[in-house]
Structure formats: structure tokens, C-alpha cells
Amino acid sequence: MTARTEEESELINKQREQEAANYQYDTQRLRKVEQDEYQEKKRQQERELSLLNTAEEKNWNERETILNQQAKEFADNQQKITELEGKIQEEYNKAKGEAIKTADREAQVKINLIEKEWELSKQGCELKIQSLETKITQNNEQIAELTAQLQNTTNQAQNLALRAFQGND
């Protein structure tokens, strides 16, 4: 029985060794497959990253080219804007000056009209005053004449009364 047990034991040991070898082989093969897959994924990612970097670099180069092309146009537009702002300010100042001159002229016309109206009104009042003064002078002269006539008439009446009184005596 020992020979058989030894044989079985040897067989079990061989089986175990075979299983351990198989396990180790399977493990190494699996690791190799996983390592290969990892390396393939890594290479694929590196290729994609390289393509992406190339595309981005191309995109940036195109943008730089466009920006460089548009830089002159931008500078020209900036210059036009500056000139336009200057022209706008100049036109504003010109329009403002003309508006002030127009307002001054209109104000001067109004002032002249008011002065003329005042002068006419003043002349009218002066004429009225002169007319009234003339009338007063005429009335005073008439009063003086009437007073003189009254005095003369009174004197004549007194003289007549005195003569009549003396004639009756």
C-alpha cells in the first residue's frame, strides 16, 4: 500500500505541480494579454492624443494666420474710428457754434423788436403827453382869456353900475 500511496501521492503532487504550472501559465498569459491590451490602449490613446495635438496645432496656426491677416484690418478700423471720433467732435463743435450764433441772432432780433416796440410805445406816450401839454396850455390860455374877459366884463359891469348909481344921484 505504500507504493500505491506513494504513487497516488506522487500523482497528486504531479497534479498539483501541473495545476500550479497551469495556474502560473494562465496567470502569466492573462497578465501578458492584459499587458498587451494595456499597451495597445496606451498606443491608441497616444495616437489619438497626437492626432488631437496635431489638429489643435493646425487650428491654432490657422487662427494665428487669420489674426495676423486681420491685424492690419483691425489697425485700419481703429484708425478710422479715431478719425471718425475726431470728425464727429469737429462736426459737433461746428453745429454747436452755429446753433449758438443762430440763437444769438434770434435773441438779438427779439431784443431789437422789443426795443423798437418800447421806442414806439415811448414815442406814443410822449406824443400823448405833448398833446395833453398842448391841450393844457391851450386850456390855460383859454382860461386866461376867459378870466381877462370876465375881469373886463366885471369892470364894465362895475363901471356901468357906478355910472348908473352916479347918474341916479
C-alpha atoms as a PDB file:
ATOM      1  CA  MET A   1       0.000   0.000   0.000  1.00  0.00           C
ATOM      2  CA  THR A   2       2.756   2.379   0.465  1.00  0.00           C
ATOM      3  CA  ALA A   3       3.780   2.013  -3.091  1.00  0.00           C
ATOM      4  CA  ARG A   4       0.336   2.835  -4.118  1.00  0.00           C
ATOM      5  CA  THR A   5       0.076   5.689  -1.671  1.00  0.00           C
ATOM      6  CA  GLU A   6       3.389   6.891  -2.864  1.00  0.00           C
ATOM      7  CA  GLU A   7       2.186   6.620  -6.407  1.00  0.00           C
ATOM      8  CA  GLU A   8      -1.010   8.436  -5.546  1.00  0.00           C
ATOM      9  CA  SER A   9       0.943  10.925  -3.546  1.00  0.00           C
ATOM     10  CA  GLU A  10       3.322  11.357  -6.451  1.00  0.00           C
ATOM     11  CA  LEU A  11       0.383  11.610  -8.824  1.00  0.00           C
ATOM     12  CA  ILE A  12      -1.301  14.180  -6.569  1.00  0.00           C
ATOM     13  CA  ASN A  13       1.981  16.089  -6.336  1.00  0.00           C
ATOM     14  CA  LYS A  14       2.365  15.952 -10.110  1.00  0.00           C
ATOM     15  CA  GLN A  15      -1.237  17.082 -10.485  1.00  0.00           C
ATOM     16  CA  ARG A  16      -0.637  19.879  -8.039  1.00  0.00           C
ATOM     17  CA  GLU A  17       2.561  20.841  -9.781  1.00  0.00           C
ATOM     18  CA  GLN A  18       0.733  20.651 -13.110  1.00  0.00           C
ATOM     19  CA  GLU A  19      -2.127  22.753 -11.685  1.00  0.00           C
ATOM     20  CA  ALA A  20       0.361  25.228 -10.202  1.00  0.00           C
ATOM     21  CA  ALA A  21       2.220  25.341 -13.518  1.00  0.00           C
ATOM     22  CA  ASN A  22      -1.094  25.722 -15.384  1.00  0.00           C
ATOM     23  CA  TYR A  23      -2.199  28.393 -12.923  1.00  0.00           C
ATOM     24  CA  GLN A  24       1.098  30.186 -13.266  1.00  0.00           C
ATOM     25  CA  TYR A  25       0.975  29.837 -17.079  1.00  0.00           C
ATOM     26  CA  ASP A  26      -2.641  31.048 -17.180  1.00  0.00           C
ATOM     27  CA  THR A  27      -1.794  33.893 -14.828  1.00  0.00           C
ATOM     28  CA  GLN A  28       1.250  34.889 -16.891  1.00  0.00           C
ATOM     29  CA  ARG A  29      -0.721  34.536 -20.131  1.00  0.00           C
ATOM     30  CA  LEU A  30      -3.571  36.611 -18.680  1.00  0.00           C
ATOM     31  CA  ARG A  31      -1.086  39.206 -17.464  1.00  0.00           C
ATOM     32  CA  LYS A  32       0.571  39.191 -20.892  1.00  0.00           C
ATOM     33  CA  VAL A  33      -2.829  39.642 -22.584  1.00  0.00           C
ATOM     34  CA  GLU A  34      -3.743  42.399 -20.139  1.00  0.00           C
ATOM     35  CA  GLN A  35      -0.306  43.982 -20.612  1.00  0.00           C
ATOM     36  CA  ASP A  36      -0.700  43.759 -24.408  1.00  0.00           C
ATOM     37  CA  GLU A  37      -4.206  45.238 -24.190  1.00  0.00           C
ATOM     38  CA  TYR A  38      -2.909  47.981 -21.906  1.00  0.00           C
ATOM     39  CA  GLN A  39      -0.006  48.714 -24.277  1.00  0.00           C
ATOM     40  CA  GLU A  40      -2.421  48.725 -27.254  1.00  0.00           C
ATOM     41  CA  LYS A  41      -4.795  51.097 -25.441  1.00  0.00           C
ATOM     42  CA  LYS A  42      -1.841  53.265 -24.469  1.00  0.00           C
ATOM     43  CA  ARG A  43      -0.578  53.346 -28.077  1.00  0.00           C
ATOM     44  CA  GLN A  44      -4.129  54.080 -29.290  1.00  0.00           C
ATOM     45  CA  GLN A  45      -4.505  56.918 -26.759  1.00  0.00           C
ATOM     46  CA  GLU A  46      -1.085  58.276 -27.709  1.00  0.00           C
ATOM     47  CA  ARG A  47      -2.075  58.159 -31.406  1.00  0.00           C
ATOM     48  CA  GLU A  48      -5.397  59.897 -30.623  1.00  0.00           C
ATOM     49  CA  LEU A  49      -3.621  62.443 -28.442  1.00  0.00           C
ATOM     50  CA  SER A  50      -1.037  63.005 -31.168  1.00  0.00           C
ATOM     51  CA  LEU A  51      -3.809  63.445 -33.760  1.00  0.00           C
ATOM     52  CA  LEU A  52      -5.671  65.750 -31.406  1.00  0.00           C
ATOM     53  CA  ASN A  53      -2.498  67.762 -30.734  1.00  0.00           C
ATOM     54  CA  THR A  54      -1.811  67.939 -34.457  1.00  0.00           C
ATOM     55  CA  ALA A  55      -5.379  69.095 -35.115  1.00  0.00           C
ATOM     56  CA  GLU A  56      -5.164  71.641 -32.284  1.00  0.00           C
ATOM     57  CA  GLU A  57      -1.790  72.866 -33.527  1.00  0.00           C
ATOM     58  CA  LYS A  58      -3.214  73.202 -37.036  1.00  0.00           C
ATOM     59  CA  ASN A  59      -6.266  75.010 -35.616  1.00  0.00           C
ATOM     60  CA  TRP A  60      -4.044  77.389 -33.621  1.00  0.00           C
ATOM     61  CA  ASN A  61      -1.858  78.021 -36.664  1.00  0.00           C
ATOM     62  CA  GLU A  62      -4.948  78.781 -38.751  1.00  0.00           C
ATOM     63  CA  ARG A  63      -6.225  81.122 -36.056  1.00  0.00           C
ATOM     64  CA  GLU A  64      -2.861  82.870 -35.818  1.00  0.00           C
ATOM     65  CA  THR A  65      -2.816  83.248 -39.597  1.00  0.00           C
ATOM     66  CA  ILE A  66      -6.335  84.705 -39.552  1.00  0.00           C
ATOM     67  CA  LEU A  67      -5.458  87.007 -36.641  1.00  0.00           C
ATOM     68  CA  ASN A  68      -2.310  88.163 -38.416  1.00  0.00           C
ATOM     69  CA  GLN A  69      -4.314  88.793 -41.580  1.00  0.00           C
ATOM     70  CA  GLN A  70      -6.968  90.670 -39.639  1.00  0.00           C
ATOM     71  CA  ALA A  71      -4.475  92.641 -37.519  1.00  0.00           C
ATOM     72  CA  LYS A  72      -3.931  95.173 -40.330  1.00  0.00           C
ATOM     73  CA  GLU A  73      -7.674  95.446 -40.912  1.00  0.00           C
ATOM     74  CA  PHE A  74      -8.164  95.899 -37.165  1.00  0.00           C
ATOM     75  CA  ALA A  75      -5.500  98.619 -37.037  1.00  0.00           C
ATOM     76  CA  ASP A  76      -7.078 100.326 -40.071  1.00  0.00           C
ATOM     77  CA  ASN A  77     -10.505 100.157 -38.423  1.00  0.00           C
ATOM     78  CA  GLN A  78      -9.078 101.561 -35.179  1.00  0.00           C
ATOM     79  CA  GLN A  79      -7.560 104.433 -37.178  1.00  0.00           C
ATOM     80  CA  LYS A  80     -10.905 105.021 -38.929  1.00  0.00           C
ATOM     81  CA  ILE A  81     -12.695 105.026 -35.578  1.00  0.00           C
ATOM     82  CA  THR A  82     -10.230 107.568 -34.194  1.00  0.00           C
ATOM     83  CA  GLU A  83     -10.623 109.758 -37.278  1.00  0.00           C
ATOM     84  CA  LEU A  84     -14.400 109.382 -37.151  1.00  0.00           C
ATOM     85  CA  GLU A  85     -14.460 110.371 -33.481  1.00  0.00           C
ATOM     86  CA  GLY A  86     -12.425 113.457 -34.382  1.00  0.00           C
ATOM     87  CA  LYS A  87     -14.788 114.312 -37.233  1.00  0.00           C
ATOM     88  CA  ILE A  88     -17.809 113.780 -35.013  1.00  0.00           C
ATOM     89  CA  GLN A  89     -16.314 116.090 -32.371  1.00  0.00           C
ATOM     90  CA  GLU A  90     -15.464 118.650 -35.039  1.00  0.00           C
ATOM     91  CA  GLU A  91     -18.983 118.492 -36.519  1.00  0.00           C
ATOM     92  CA  TYR A  92     -20.466 118.688 -33.028  1.00  0.00           C
ATOM     93  CA  ASN A  93     -18.414 121.789 -32.232  1.00  0.00           C
ATOM     94  CA  LYS A  94     -19.325 123.305 -35.600  1.00  0.00           C
ATOM     95  CA  ALA A  95     -23.046 122.585 -35.109  1.00  0.00           C
ATOM     96  CA  LYS A  96     -22.850 123.889 -31.545  1.00  0.00           C
ATOM     97  CA  GLY A  97     -21.169 127.095 -32.729  1.00  0.00           C
ATOM     98  CA  GLU A  98     -23.760 127.565 -35.464  1.00  0.00           C
ATOM     99  CA  ALA A  99     -26.585 126.907 -33.003  1.00  0.00           C
ATOM    100  CA  ILE A 100     -25.126 129.480 -30.611  1.00  0.00           C
ATOM    101  CA  LYS A 101     -24.779 132.014 -33.447  1.00  0.00           C
ATOM    102  CA  THR A 102     -28.350 131.307 -34.580  1.00  0.00           C
ATOM    103  CA  ALA A 103     -29.649 131.639 -31.028  1.00  0.00           C
ATOM    104  CA  ASP A 104     -27.682 134.887 -30.598  1.00  0.00           C
ATOM    105  CA  ARG A 105     -29.080 136.267 -33.870  1.00  0.00           C
ATOM    106  CA  GLU A 106     -32.625 135.286 -32.911  1.00  0.00           C
ATOM    107  CA  ALA A 107     -32.171 136.787 -29.451  1.00  0.00           C
ATOM    108  CA  GLN A 108     -30.747 139.963 -30.984  1.00  0.00           C
ATOM    109  CA  VAL A 109     -33.717 140.168 -33.381  1.00  0.00           C
ATOM    110  CA  LYS A 110     -36.104 139.744 -30.439  1.00  0.00           C
ATOM    111  CA  ILE A 111     -34.201 142.367 -28.438  1.00  0.00           C
ATOM    112  CA  ASN A 112     -34.326 144.759 -31.396  1.00  0.00           C
ATOM    113  CA  LEU A 113     -38.068 144.144 -31.815  1.00  0.00           C
ATOM    114  CA  ILE A 114     -38.688 144.707 -28.117  1.00  0.00           C
ATOM    115  CA  GLU A 115     -36.553 147.870 -28.203  1.00  0.00           C
ATOM    116  CA  LYS A 116     -38.466 149.117 -31.256  1.00  0.00           C
ATOM    117  CA  GLU A 117     -41.794 148.289 -29.613  1.00  0.00           C
ATOM    118  CA  TRP A 118     -40.621 150.098 -26.485  1.00  0.00           C
ATOM    119  CA  GLU A 119     -39.422 153.054 -28.524  1.00  0.00           C
ATOM    120  CA  LEU A 120     -42.717 153.203 -30.413  1.00  0.00           C
ATOM    121  CA  SER A 121     -44.656 152.909 -27.167  1.00  0.00           C
ATOM    122  CA  LYS A 122     -42.448 155.593 -25.623  1.00  0.00           C
ATOM    123  CA  GLN A 123     -42.929 157.851 -28.642  1.00  0.00           C
ATOM    124  CA  GLY A 124     -46.678 157.240 -28.479  1.00  0.00           C
ATOM    125  CA  CYS A 125     -46.695 158.179 -24.799  1.00  0.00           C
ATOM    126  CA  GLU A 126     -44.503 161.219 -25.458  1.00  0.00           C
ATOM    127  CA  LEU A 127     -46.846 162.322 -28.245  1.00  0.00           C
ATOM    128  CA  LYS A 128     -49.802 161.821 -25.929  1.00  0.00           C
ATOM    129  CA  ILE A 129     -48.030 163.811 -23.195  1.00  0.00           C
ATOM    130  CA  GLN A 130     -47.110 166.522 -25.683  1.00  0.00           C
ATOM    131  CA  SER A 131     -50.693 166.585 -26.958  1.00  0.00           C
ATOM    132  CA  LEU A 132     -52.014 166.802 -23.408  1.00  0.00           C
ATOM    133  CA  GLU A 133     -49.487 169.513 -22.524  1.00  0.00           C
ATOM    134  CA  THR A 134     -50.540 171.422 -25.629  1.00  0.00           C
ATOM    135  CA  LYS A 135     -54.173 170.977 -24.618  1.00  0.00           C
ATOM    136  CA  ILE A 136     -53.342 172.139 -21.069  1.00  0.00           C
ATOM    137  CA  THR A 137     -51.505 175.150 -22.465  1.00  0.00           C
ATOM    138  CA  GLN A 138     -54.454 175.910 -24.744  1.00  0.00           C
ATOM    139  CA  ASN A 139     -56.883 175.446 -21.868  1.00  0.00           C
ATOM    140  CA  ASN A 140     -54.734 177.687 -19.622  1.00  0.00           C
ATOM    141  CA  GLU A 141     -54.619 180.310 -22.363  1.00  0.00           C
ATOM    142  CA  GLN A 142     -58.363 179.980 -22.826  1.00  0.00           C
ATOM    143  CA  ILE A 143     -58.867 180.251 -19.056  1.00  0.00           C
ATOM    144  CA  ALA A 144     -56.608 183.313 -19.006  1.00  0.00           C
ATOM    145  CA  GLU A 145     -58.582 184.856 -21.872  1.00  0.00           C
ATOM    146  CA  LEU A 146     -61.862 183.987 -20.201  1.00  0.00           C
ATOM    147  CA  THR A 147     -60.557 185.360 -16.900  1.00  0.00           C
ATOM    148  CA  ALA A 148     -59.452 188.521 -18.673  1.00  0.00           C
ATOM    149  CA  GLN A 149     -62.822 188.757 -20.396  1.00  0.00           C
ATOM    150  CA  LEU A 150     -64.557 188.090 -17.095  1.00  0.00           C
ATOM    151  CA  GLN A 151     -62.418 190.755 -15.432  1.00  0.00           C
ATOM    152  CA  ASN A 152     -63.098 193.111 -18.268  1.00  0.00           C
ATOM    153  CA  THR A 153     -66.805 192.322 -18.164  1.00  0.00           C
ATOM    154  CA  THR A 154     -66.823 192.685 -14.380  1.00  0.00           C
ATOM    155  CA  ASN A 155     -65.050 196.016 -14.682  1.00  0.00           C
ATOM    156  CA  GLN A 156     -67.503 197.144 -17.324  1.00  0.00           C
ATOM    157  CA  ALA A 157     -70.414 195.997 -15.176  1.00  0.00           C
ATOM    158  CA  GLN A 158     -68.975 197.851 -12.200  1.00  0.00           C
ATOM    159  CA  ASN A 159     -68.402 200.914 -14.306  1.00  0.00           C
ATOM    160  CA  LEU A 160     -71.929 200.697 -15.629  1.00  0.00           C
ATOM    161  CA  ALA A 161     -73.278 200.166 -12.147  1.00  0.00           C
ATOM    162  CA  LEU A 162     -71.180 203.025 -10.888  1.00  0.00           C
ATOM    163  CA  ARG A 163     -72.389 205.296 -13.689  1.00  0.00           C
ATOM    164  CA  ALA A 164     -75.907 204.212 -13.140  1.00  0.00           C
ATOM    165  CA  PHE A 165     -75.577 204.865  -9.490  1.00  0.00           C
ATOM    166  CA  GLN A 166     -73.979 208.213 -10.054  1.00  0.00           C
ATOM    167  CA  GLY A 167     -76.489 209.092 -12.700  1.00  0.00           C
ATOM    168  CA  ASN A 168     -79.340 208.410 -10.315  1.00  0.00           C
ATOM    169  CA  ASP A 169     -77.942 210.605  -7.706  1.00  0.00           C
END
